[in-house]
């Protein structure tokens, strides 16, 4: 009991949580920098363990040199660059740094923005916020070890809601629009604006930020070059869509039931279901309803992403943690949460023997399945919610418990 009370006190202390996240970011960077180079394909060319960071960094120099961002550069890195020209331009702030500095800054940016976003939410006390961050720590480490941007994406969407709750619409719209210029699926975050008043202001701010961020690459390239880059980017996205199923609803349907028809139909069905709770306009004033919609967005953008990989799930688990921490602790919710933590967070670790990961977890999409069912439960909770829930104002500073 004393150990439990002490642990609760530690989790409730912001400084301990922040220091833990800083330590994990630095450890992830050190392990990546110290790791041996490896080959990713049959070419025999060796690349760094922080290959994704090298992709981001190289894209800035390719942009400056007027090269096509969306073709392979096997002598520099493995795999394609799949982000916008805007992200390439902005990554120049890190590209000029030595890798041992830049990679640390990059991972710290991902970790600390995510921490800031959770602490900025008004829906929880500090203990519950610390608990959410503790639940997400393993997934965050997975993302940072791959030098990915997923924690940054989750942080931007969550921070946007915190800013919306405090009527800071200018910065909230920047967060969502910036997330779209990192990864296109950030566009789903725009749906959250429907839950808040002053929709004209939100629309105008979003359009303004979209124009500003769109124009950033023009610092380095001409309009003609930019048009060519955008055409190449859209071509990449269209071909990329057919390439795989990922840890997603499509992957689950394919591996469990042999479904191999249109992915677009699955996404369309998911989008229709996702939008159904927005019909419950009277519930928009409920902080519980708005929080569940945030959780729905975070899980949806992963489970309906045909390219979802293990490092992507820090976004989905953030949604799962928000849903579970705030929700009722009944047998259904506890079971679903436990399955998500075991199969989503722990399955990529050495706790699961390699043969189990290779023979069961990956082929049967087990990392995604609990999150898919949790999203279904979130939809159920939203659609069965009562207008009487709508008792709290839209802008609250903190929930004291």
Protein backbone atom coordinates (compact mmCIF):
# COMPACT_ATOMS: atom_id res chain seq x y z
CA UNK A 1 0.00 0.00 0.00
CA UNK A 2 2.82 2.42 0.86
CA UNK A 3 4.55 1.65 -2.45
CA UNK A 4 1.29 2.32 -4.28
CA UNK A 5 0.78 5.66 -2.51
CA UNK A 6 4.37 6.69 -3.21
CA UNK A 7 4.01 5.72 -6.87
CA UNK A 8 0.82 7.77 -7.14
CA UNK A 9 2.60 10.78 -5.66
CA UNK A 10 5.45 10.43 -8.16
CA UNK A 11 3.04 10.15 -11.08
CA UNK A 12 1.21 13.26 -9.85
CA UNK A 13 4.45 15.31 -9.86
CA UNK A 14 5.01 17.07 -13.18
CA UNK A 15 8.76 17.35 -12.71
CA UNK A 16 9.23 13.59 -12.37
CA UNK A 17 7.10 12.87 -15.43
CA UNK A 18 8.85 15.51 -17.54
CA UNK A 19 12.30 14.28 -16.46
CA UNK A 20 11.29 10.71 -17.34
CA UNK A 21 10.24 11.79 -20.83
CA UNK A 22 13.46 13.77 -21.30
CA UNK A 23 15.50 10.77 -20.18
CA UNK A 24 13.67 8.41 -22.55
CA UNK A 25 14.14 10.84 -25.47
CA UNK A 26 17.87 11.07 -24.81
CA UNK A 27 18.19 7.30 -24.36
CA UNK A 28 16.35 6.69 -27.64
CA UNK A 29 18.72 9.08 -29.42
CA UNK A 30 21.84 7.58 -27.87
CA UNK A 31 20.79 4.04 -28.77
CA UNK A 32 20.08 5.12 -32.35
CA UNK A 33 23.35 7.01 -32.71
CA UNK A 34 25.36 4.15 -31.20
CA UNK A 35 23.60 1.44 -33.19
CA UNK A 36 25.38 -0.33 -36.01
CA UNK A 37 24.52 0.50 -39.57
CA UNK A 38 22.30 -2.05 -41.26
CA UNK A 39 20.84 -2.98 -44.61
CA UNK A 40 17.11 -2.64 -45.24
CA UNK A 41 16.92 -4.42 -48.59
CA UNK A 42 18.87 -6.62 -51.00
CA UNK A 43 21.12 -3.81 -52.26
CA UNK A 44 23.65 -4.35 -49.48
CA UNK A 45 23.89 -0.60 -48.83
CA UNK A 46 24.13 0.13 -45.13
CA UNK A 47 22.19 2.92 -43.46
CA UNK A 48 22.05 4.38 -39.97
CA UNK A 49 19.68 3.13 -37.30
CA UNK A 50 18.09 6.60 -37.30
CA UNK A 51 17.27 6.32 -40.99
CA UNK A 52 14.01 8.29 -40.74
CA UNK A 53 15.82 11.30 -39.31
CA UNK A 54 18.28 11.11 -42.20
CA UNK A 55 15.32 11.05 -44.63
CA UNK A 56 13.93 14.24 -43.07
CA UNK A 57 17.31 15.93 -42.99
CA UNK A 58 18.18 14.97 -46.57
CA UNK A 59 14.82 16.21 -47.85
CA UNK A 60 15.75 19.75 -46.84
CA UNK A 61 18.93 19.66 -48.92
CA UNK A 62 17.09 18.05 -51.82
CA UNK A 63 14.56 20.89 -51.63
CA UNK A 64 17.30 23.54 -51.66
CA UNK A 65 18.99 21.84 -54.61
CA UNK A 66 15.76 21.71 -56.61
CA UNK A 67 15.60 17.91 -56.65
CA UNK A 68 12.52 15.73 -56.62
CA UNK A 69 11.77 14.93 -52.97
CA UNK A 70 9.74 11.86 -53.81
CA UNK A 71 12.21 9.52 -55.47
CA UNK A 72 14.67 7.11 -53.89
CA UNK A 73 18.15 8.23 -52.86
CA UNK A 74 19.64 4.85 -51.87
CA UNK A 75 23.13 6.20 -51.34
CA UNK A 76 21.80 8.57 -48.64
CA UNK A 77 18.98 6.67 -46.98
CA UNK A 78 16.53 3.82 -47.37
CA UNK A 79 12.87 4.35 -48.27
CA UNK A 80 11.01 7.32 -49.71
CA UNK A 81 10.30 10.71 -48.21
CA UNK A 82 6.51 10.87 -47.75
CA UNK A 83 5.92 14.25 -46.16
CA UNK A 84 5.08 17.66 -47.62
CA UNK A 85 7.61 20.15 -49.05
CA UNK A 86 6.66 22.42 -46.13
CA UNK A 87 7.93 19.86 -43.64
CA UNK A 88 11.20 19.62 -45.61
CA UNK A 89 11.64 23.39 -45.49
CA UNK A 90 10.93 23.62 -41.76
CA UNK A 91 13.24 20.70 -41.01
CA UNK A 92 16.09 22.91 -42.20
CA UNK A 93 16.24 24.23 -38.63
CA UNK A 94 17.59 20.82 -37.58
CA UNK A 95 19.32 19.77 -40.79
CA UNK A 96 22.17 22.24 -40.22
CA UNK A 97 23.03 20.59 -36.88
CA UNK A 98 25.36 17.61 -36.47
CA UNK A 99 23.35 14.39 -36.27
CA UNK A 100 24.25 13.81 -32.62
CA UNK A 101 22.71 17.18 -31.76
CA UNK A 102 19.87 17.24 -34.27
CA UNK A 103 18.55 13.78 -33.44
CA UNK A 104 18.45 14.61 -29.72
CA UNK A 105 16.62 17.86 -30.40
CA UNK A 106 14.17 16.07 -32.70
CA UNK A 107 13.31 13.38 -30.16
CA UNK A 108 13.08 15.93 -27.35
CA UNK A 109 10.73 18.03 -29.47
CA UNK A 110 8.46 15.01 -30.01
CA UNK A 111 8.51 14.00 -26.35
CA UNK A 112 8.11 17.44 -24.78
CA UNK A 113 5.37 18.66 -27.11
CA UNK A 114 3.44 15.51 -26.28
CA UNK A 115 3.92 16.13 -22.55
CA UNK A 116 2.92 19.79 -22.92
CA UNK A 117 -0.22 18.78 -24.82
CA UNK A 118 -1.39 16.36 -22.13
CA UNK A 119 -0.72 18.80 -19.29
CA UNK A 120 -2.51 21.56 -21.18
CA UNK A 121 -5.75 19.58 -21.32
CA UNK A 122 -8.28 20.86 -18.76
CA UNK A 123 -10.16 17.57 -18.38
CA UNK A 124 -7.87 15.87 -15.82
CA UNK A 125 -5.98 16.53 -12.59
CA UNK A 126 -2.19 16.14 -12.55
CA UNK A 127 -2.32 12.55 -11.31
CA UNK A 128 -4.51 11.44 -14.21
CA UNK A 129 -2.37 13.37 -16.67
CA UNK A 130 0.73 11.65 -15.30
CA UNK A 131 -1.06 8.31 -15.61
CA UNK A 132 -1.91 8.99 -19.27
CA UNK A 133 1.72 9.85 -19.97
CA UNK A 134 2.89 6.72 -18.16
CA UNK A 135 0.59 4.56 -20.32
CA UNK A 136 1.94 6.19 -23.50
CA UNK A 137 5.63 5.97 -22.56
CA UNK A 138 6.39 2.62 -24.20
CA UNK A 139 4.72 3.64 -27.46
CA UNK A 140 6.53 6.96 -27.38
CA UNK A 141 9.85 5.13 -26.99
CA UNK A 142 8.98 2.91 -29.97
CA UNK A 143 8.30 5.99 -32.08
CA UNK A 144 11.47 7.81 -30.97
CA UNK A 145 13.68 4.78 -31.52
CA UNK A 146 12.52 4.99 -35.12
CA UNK A 147 13.05 8.81 -35.10
CA UNK A 148 9.43 9.19 -36.23
CA UNK A 149 7.12 12.21 -36.03
CA UNK A 150 4.12 10.41 -34.53
CA UNK A 151 4.40 11.84 -31.02
CA UNK A 152 4.59 15.29 -32.59
CA UNK A 153 1.39 14.54 -34.54
CA UNK A 154 -0.43 13.34 -31.42
CA UNK A 155 0.85 16.30 -29.43
CA UNK A 156 -0.35 18.84 -32.00
CA UNK A 157 -3.88 17.41 -32.17
CA UNK A 158 -4.20 17.12 -28.38
CA UNK A 159 -2.71 20.57 -27.80
CA UNK A 160 -5.19 22.00 -30.32
CA UNK A 161 -8.07 20.79 -28.14
CA UNK A 162 -6.48 22.23 -25.00
CA UNK A 163 -6.17 25.57 -26.79
CA UNK A 164 -9.74 25.38 -28.08
CA UNK A 165 -10.99 24.75 -24.55
CA UNK A 166 -9.28 27.99 -23.47
CA UNK A 167 -10.57 29.98 -26.45
CA UNK A 168 -7.12 30.33 -28.04
CA UNK A 169 -8.36 29.70 -31.54
CA UNK A 170 -5.45 31.24 -33.44
CA UNK A 171 -2.91 28.81 -31.98
CA UNK A 172 -5.33 25.87 -31.99
CA UNK A 173 -5.81 26.21 -35.75
CA UNK A 174 -2.05 26.46 -36.26
CA UNK A 175 -1.59 23.12 -34.44
CA UNK A 176 -4.12 21.28 -36.61
CA UNK A 177 -3.04 22.85 -39.91
CA UNK A 178 0.62 22.22 -39.11
CA UNK A 179 -0.19 18.56 -38.38
CA UNK A 180 -1.73 18.32 -41.87
CA UNK A 181 1.48 19.68 -43.39
CA UNK A 182 3.40 16.94 -41.56
CA UNK A 183 1.13 13.99 -42.32
CA UNK A 184 -2.00 14.31 -44.41
CA UNK A 185 -4.16 12.35 -41.98
CA UNK A 186 -3.98 15.33 -39.61
CA UNK A 187 -6.87 16.67 -41.69
CA UNK A 188 -9.20 14.54 -39.54
CA UNK A 189 -8.40 16.91 -36.66
CA UNK A 190 -10.34 19.65 -38.45
CA UNK A 191 -13.53 17.82 -37.47
CA UNK A 192 -12.92 18.81 -33.85
CA UNK A 193 -13.58 22.45 -34.78
CA UNK A 194 -17.25 21.54 -35.24
CA UNK A 195 -17.55 21.09 -31.46
CA UNK A 196 -16.70 24.72 -30.68
CA UNK A 197 -18.36 28.10 -31.28
CA UNK A 198 -17.02 30.86 -33.57
CA UNK A 199 -16.74 28.53 -36.53
CA UNK A 200 -16.20 31.38 -38.99
CA UNK A 201 -13.16 32.51 -37.00
CA UNK A 202 -11.85 28.94 -36.93
CA UNK A 203 -12.33 28.65 -40.68
CA UNK A 204 -10.58 31.93 -41.45
CA UNK A 205 -7.66 31.19 -39.13
CA UNK A 206 -7.26 27.73 -40.66
CA UNK A 207 -7.23 29.12 -44.19
CA UNK A 208 -4.70 31.78 -43.21
CA UNK A 209 -2.34 29.26 -41.64
CA UNK A 210 -2.77 26.93 -44.62
CA UNK A 211 -1.65 29.69 -46.97
CA UNK A 212 1.30 30.67 -44.77
CA UNK A 213 2.56 27.11 -44.38
CA UNK A 214 1.98 26.33 -48.04
CA UNK A 215 4.17 29.28 -48.99
CA UNK A 216 7.16 28.31 -46.81
CA UNK A 217 8.90 26.13 -49.48
CA UNK A 218 8.86 29.10 -51.87
CA UNK A 219 11.78 30.45 -49.87
CA UNK A 220 13.84 27.73 -51.55
CA UNK A 221 12.12 26.87 -54.84
CA UNK A 222 10.29 28.65 -57.66
CA UNK A 223 6.56 28.30 -58.33
CA UNK A 224 7.30 26.02 -61.26
CA UNK A 225 9.51 23.75 -59.15
CA UNK A 226 6.94 23.76 -56.36
CA UNK A 227 4.18 22.71 -58.74
CA UNK A 228 6.35 19.81 -59.90
CA UNK A 229 6.98 18.77 -56.30
CA UNK A 230 3.28 18.80 -55.46
CA UNK A 231 2.50 16.72 -58.53
CA UNK A 232 5.17 14.22 -57.51
CA UNK A 233 3.84 14.20 -53.93
CA UNK A 234 0.28 13.47 -55.05
CA UNK A 235 1.53 10.73 -57.36
CA UNK A 236 3.43 9.16 -54.47
CA UNK A 237 0.32 9.20 -52.29
CA UNK A 238 -1.82 7.58 -54.98
CA UNK A 239 0.67 4.75 -55.52
CA UNK A 240 1.38 4.42 -51.81
CA UNK A 241 -2.30 3.80 -51.11
CA UNK A 242 -2.23 0.46 -52.92
CA UNK A 243 1.01 -0.74 -51.41
CA UNK A 244 -0.03 -2.31 -48.10
CA UNK A 245 -2.73 -2.83 -45.46
CA UNK A 246 -0.74 -1.91 -42.34
CA UNK A 247 -1.85 -2.41 -38.75
CA UNK A 248 -5.31 -1.13 -39.59
CA UNK A 249 -8.95 -2.07 -40.04
CA UNK A 250 -8.07 -3.03 -43.61
CA UNK A 251 -5.19 -5.20 -42.37
CA UNK A 252 -7.45 -6.85 -39.79
CA UNK A 253 -10.19 -7.57 -42.33
CA UNK A 254 -7.64 -8.96 -44.77
CA UNK A 255 -5.73 -11.18 -42.33
CA UNK A 256 -8.75 -12.49 -40.41
CA UNK A 257 -11.45 -12.64 -43.09
CA UNK A 258 -9.58 -12.51 -46.39
CA UNK A 259 -11.12 -9.18 -47.38
CA UNK A 260 -9.12 -7.74 -50.29
CA UNK A 261 -11.60 -5.38 -51.93
CA UNK A 262 -11.55 -1.59 -52.00
CA UNK A 263 -9.70 0.09 -49.14
CA UNK A 264 -11.55 3.27 -50.02
CA UNK A 265 -14.86 1.64 -49.14
CA UNK A 266 -13.54 0.65 -45.73
CA UNK A 267 -12.26 4.17 -45.08
CA UNK A 268 -15.54 5.66 -46.31
CA UNK A 269 -17.52 3.42 -43.97
CA UNK A 270 -15.20 4.40 -41.12
CA UNK A 271 -15.61 8.08 -41.96
CA UNK A 272 -19.41 7.83 -41.97
CA UNK A 273 -19.43 6.10 -38.57
CA UNK A 274 -16.89 8.63 -37.26
CA UNK A 275 -19.16 11.54 -38.23
CA UNK A 276 -22.36 10.12 -36.71
CA UNK A 277 -21.79 11.54 -33.18
CA UNK A 278 -21.55 15.04 -34.65
CA UNK A 279 -25.33 14.82 -35.13
CA UNK A 280 -25.71 15.07 -31.34
CA UNK A 281 -25.29 18.86 -31.35
CA UNK A 282 -26.85 19.27 -27.87
CA UNK A 283 -23.98 17.28 -26.39
CA UNK A 284 -21.26 19.60 -27.68
CA UNK A 285 -21.28 21.49 -24.36
CA UNK A 286 -20.35 18.32 -22.46
CA UNK A 287 -16.64 18.10 -21.68
CA UNK A 288 -16.97 14.30 -21.61
CA UNK A 289 -18.42 14.29 -25.12
CA UNK A 290 -15.65 16.57 -26.44
CA UNK A 291 -12.97 14.43 -24.82
CA UNK A 292 -14.40 11.27 -26.34
CA UNK A 293 -14.40 12.95 -29.76
CA UNK A 294 -10.71 13.77 -29.29
CA UNK A 295 -10.04 10.14 -28.35
CA UNK A 296 -12.01 9.02 -31.41
CA UNK A 297 -9.89 11.19 -33.72
CA UNK A 298 -6.62 9.91 -32.27
CA UNK A 299 -7.61 6.26 -32.64
CA UNK A 300 -9.33 6.72 -36.02
CA UNK A 301 -6.34 8.26 -37.80
CA UNK A 302 -4.31 5.15 -36.97
CA UNK A 303 -6.73 2.27 -37.42
CA UNK A 304 -7.96 3.61 -40.76
CA UNK A 305 -4.44 4.32 -42.00
CA UNK A 306 -3.35 1.63 -44.45
CA UNK A 307 0.30 2.52 -43.72
CA UNK A 308 0.03 2.30 -39.93
CA UNK A 309 3.17 0.76 -38.43
CA UNK A 310 4.15 -0.06 -34.89
CA UNK A 311 5.66 3.42 -34.22
CA UNK A 312 2.40 5.05 -35.36
CA UNK A 313 0.50 3.66 -32.39
CA UNK A 314 1.64 6.30 -29.92
CA UNK A 315 -1.20 8.34 -31.49
CA UNK A 316 -3.83 5.63 -31.01
CA UNK A 317 -2.67 4.72 -27.49
CA UNK A 318 -2.89 8.39 -26.52
CA UNK A 319 -6.57 8.23 -27.51
CA UNK A 320 -7.03 4.94 -25.66
CA UNK A 321 -5.42 6.39 -22.52
CA UNK A 322 -7.61 9.52 -22.63
CA UNK A 323 -10.73 7.38 -23.07
CA UNK A 324 -9.89 4.92 -20.30
CA UNK A 325 -8.58 7.40 -17.73
CA UNK A 326 -11.68 9.57 -18.00
CA UNK A 327 -14.24 6.82 -18.48
CA UNK A 328 -16.07 4.33 -16.30
CA UNK A 329 -13.94 1.47 -14.97
CA UNK A 330 -16.28 -1.40 -15.79
CA UNK A 331 -15.30 -4.91 -16.85
CA UNK A 332 -15.65 -4.16 -20.58
CA UNK A 333 -13.49 -1.04 -20.48
CA UNK A 334 -10.85 -2.61 -18.24
CA UNK A 335 -10.61 -5.70 -20.47
CA UNK A 336 -10.33 -3.65 -23.66
CA UNK A 337 -7.70 -1.38 -22.15
CA UNK A 338 -5.67 -4.34 -20.85
CA UNK A 339 -5.74 -5.99 -24.29
CA UNK A 340 -4.65 -2.74 -25.96
CA UNK A 341 -1.76 -2.28 -23.56
CA UNK A 342 -0.63 -5.90 -23.97
CA UNK A 343 -0.94 -6.23 -27.73
CA UNK A 344 -0.36 -2.65 -28.87
CA UNK A 345 2.30 -1.46 -26.44
CA UNK A 346 4.01 -4.63 -25.24
CA UNK A 347 3.88 -6.86 -28.32
CA UNK A 348 6.83 -5.14 -30.10
CA UNK A 349 9.04 -5.53 -27.00
CA UNK A 350 11.14 -8.50 -25.91
CA UNK A 351 8.38 -9.48 -23.47
CA UNK A 352 6.86 -11.23 -26.49
CA UNK A 353 9.17 -13.92 -27.92
CA UNK A 354 10.24 -13.23 -31.48
CA UNK A 355 8.40 -16.24 -32.91
CA UNK A 356 5.15 -15.03 -31.30
CA UNK A 357 5.59 -11.59 -32.88
CA UNK A 358 6.45 -13.03 -36.28
CA UNK A 359 3.91 -15.88 -36.36
CA UNK A 360 0.93 -14.33 -34.61
CA UNK A 361 1.13 -10.61 -33.77
CA UNK A 362 2.18 -9.36 -37.21
CA UNK A 363 0.28 -11.78 -39.49
CA UNK A 364 -2.97 -11.39 -37.55
CA UNK A 365 -2.67 -7.63 -37.01
CA UNK A 366 -3.00 -8.12 -33.25
CA UNK A 367 -1.43 -4.75 -32.47
CA UNK A 368 -4.41 -3.03 -34.07
CA UNK A 369 -7.32 -5.27 -33.09
CA UNK A 370 -7.85 -4.04 -29.48
CA UNK A 371 -7.67 -0.42 -30.67
CA UNK A 372 -10.28 -1.18 -33.33
CA UNK A 373 -12.65 -2.57 -30.69
CA UNK A 374 -11.93 0.35 -28.37
CA UNK A 375 -12.81 2.78 -31.14
CA UNK A 376 -16.08 0.86 -31.51
CA UNK A 377 -16.68 1.26 -27.77
CA UNK A 378 -15.92 5.00 -28.00
CA UNK A 379 -18.49 5.26 -30.81
CA UNK A 380 -21.01 3.40 -28.66
CA UNK A 381 -20.38 5.73 -25.71
CA UNK A 382 -20.75 8.81 -27.93
CA UNK A 383 -23.90 7.62 -29.70
CA UNK A 384 -25.64 6.53 -26.49
CA UNK A 385 -24.70 9.67 -24.54
CA UNK A 386 -27.60 11.76 -23.24
CA UNK A 387 -28.14 15.48 -23.76
CA UNK A 388 -28.25 15.72 -19.96
CA UNK A 389 -24.47 15.14 -20.03
CA UNK A 390 -24.17 18.65 -21.41
CA UNK A 391 -23.70 20.44 -18.10
CA UNK A 392 -20.21 21.95 -18.26
CA UNK A 393 -19.07 25.09 -20.10
CA UNK A 394 -16.88 24.88 -23.16
CA UNK A 395 -13.96 26.67 -21.57
CA UNK A 396 -12.83 25.28 -18.21
CA UNK A 397 -9.43 25.76 -16.67
CA UNK A 398 -9.09 22.62 -14.58
CA UNK A 399 -11.16 19.84 -13.16
CA UNK A 400 -10.52 19.50 -9.45
CA UNK A 401 -10.98 16.06 -8.05
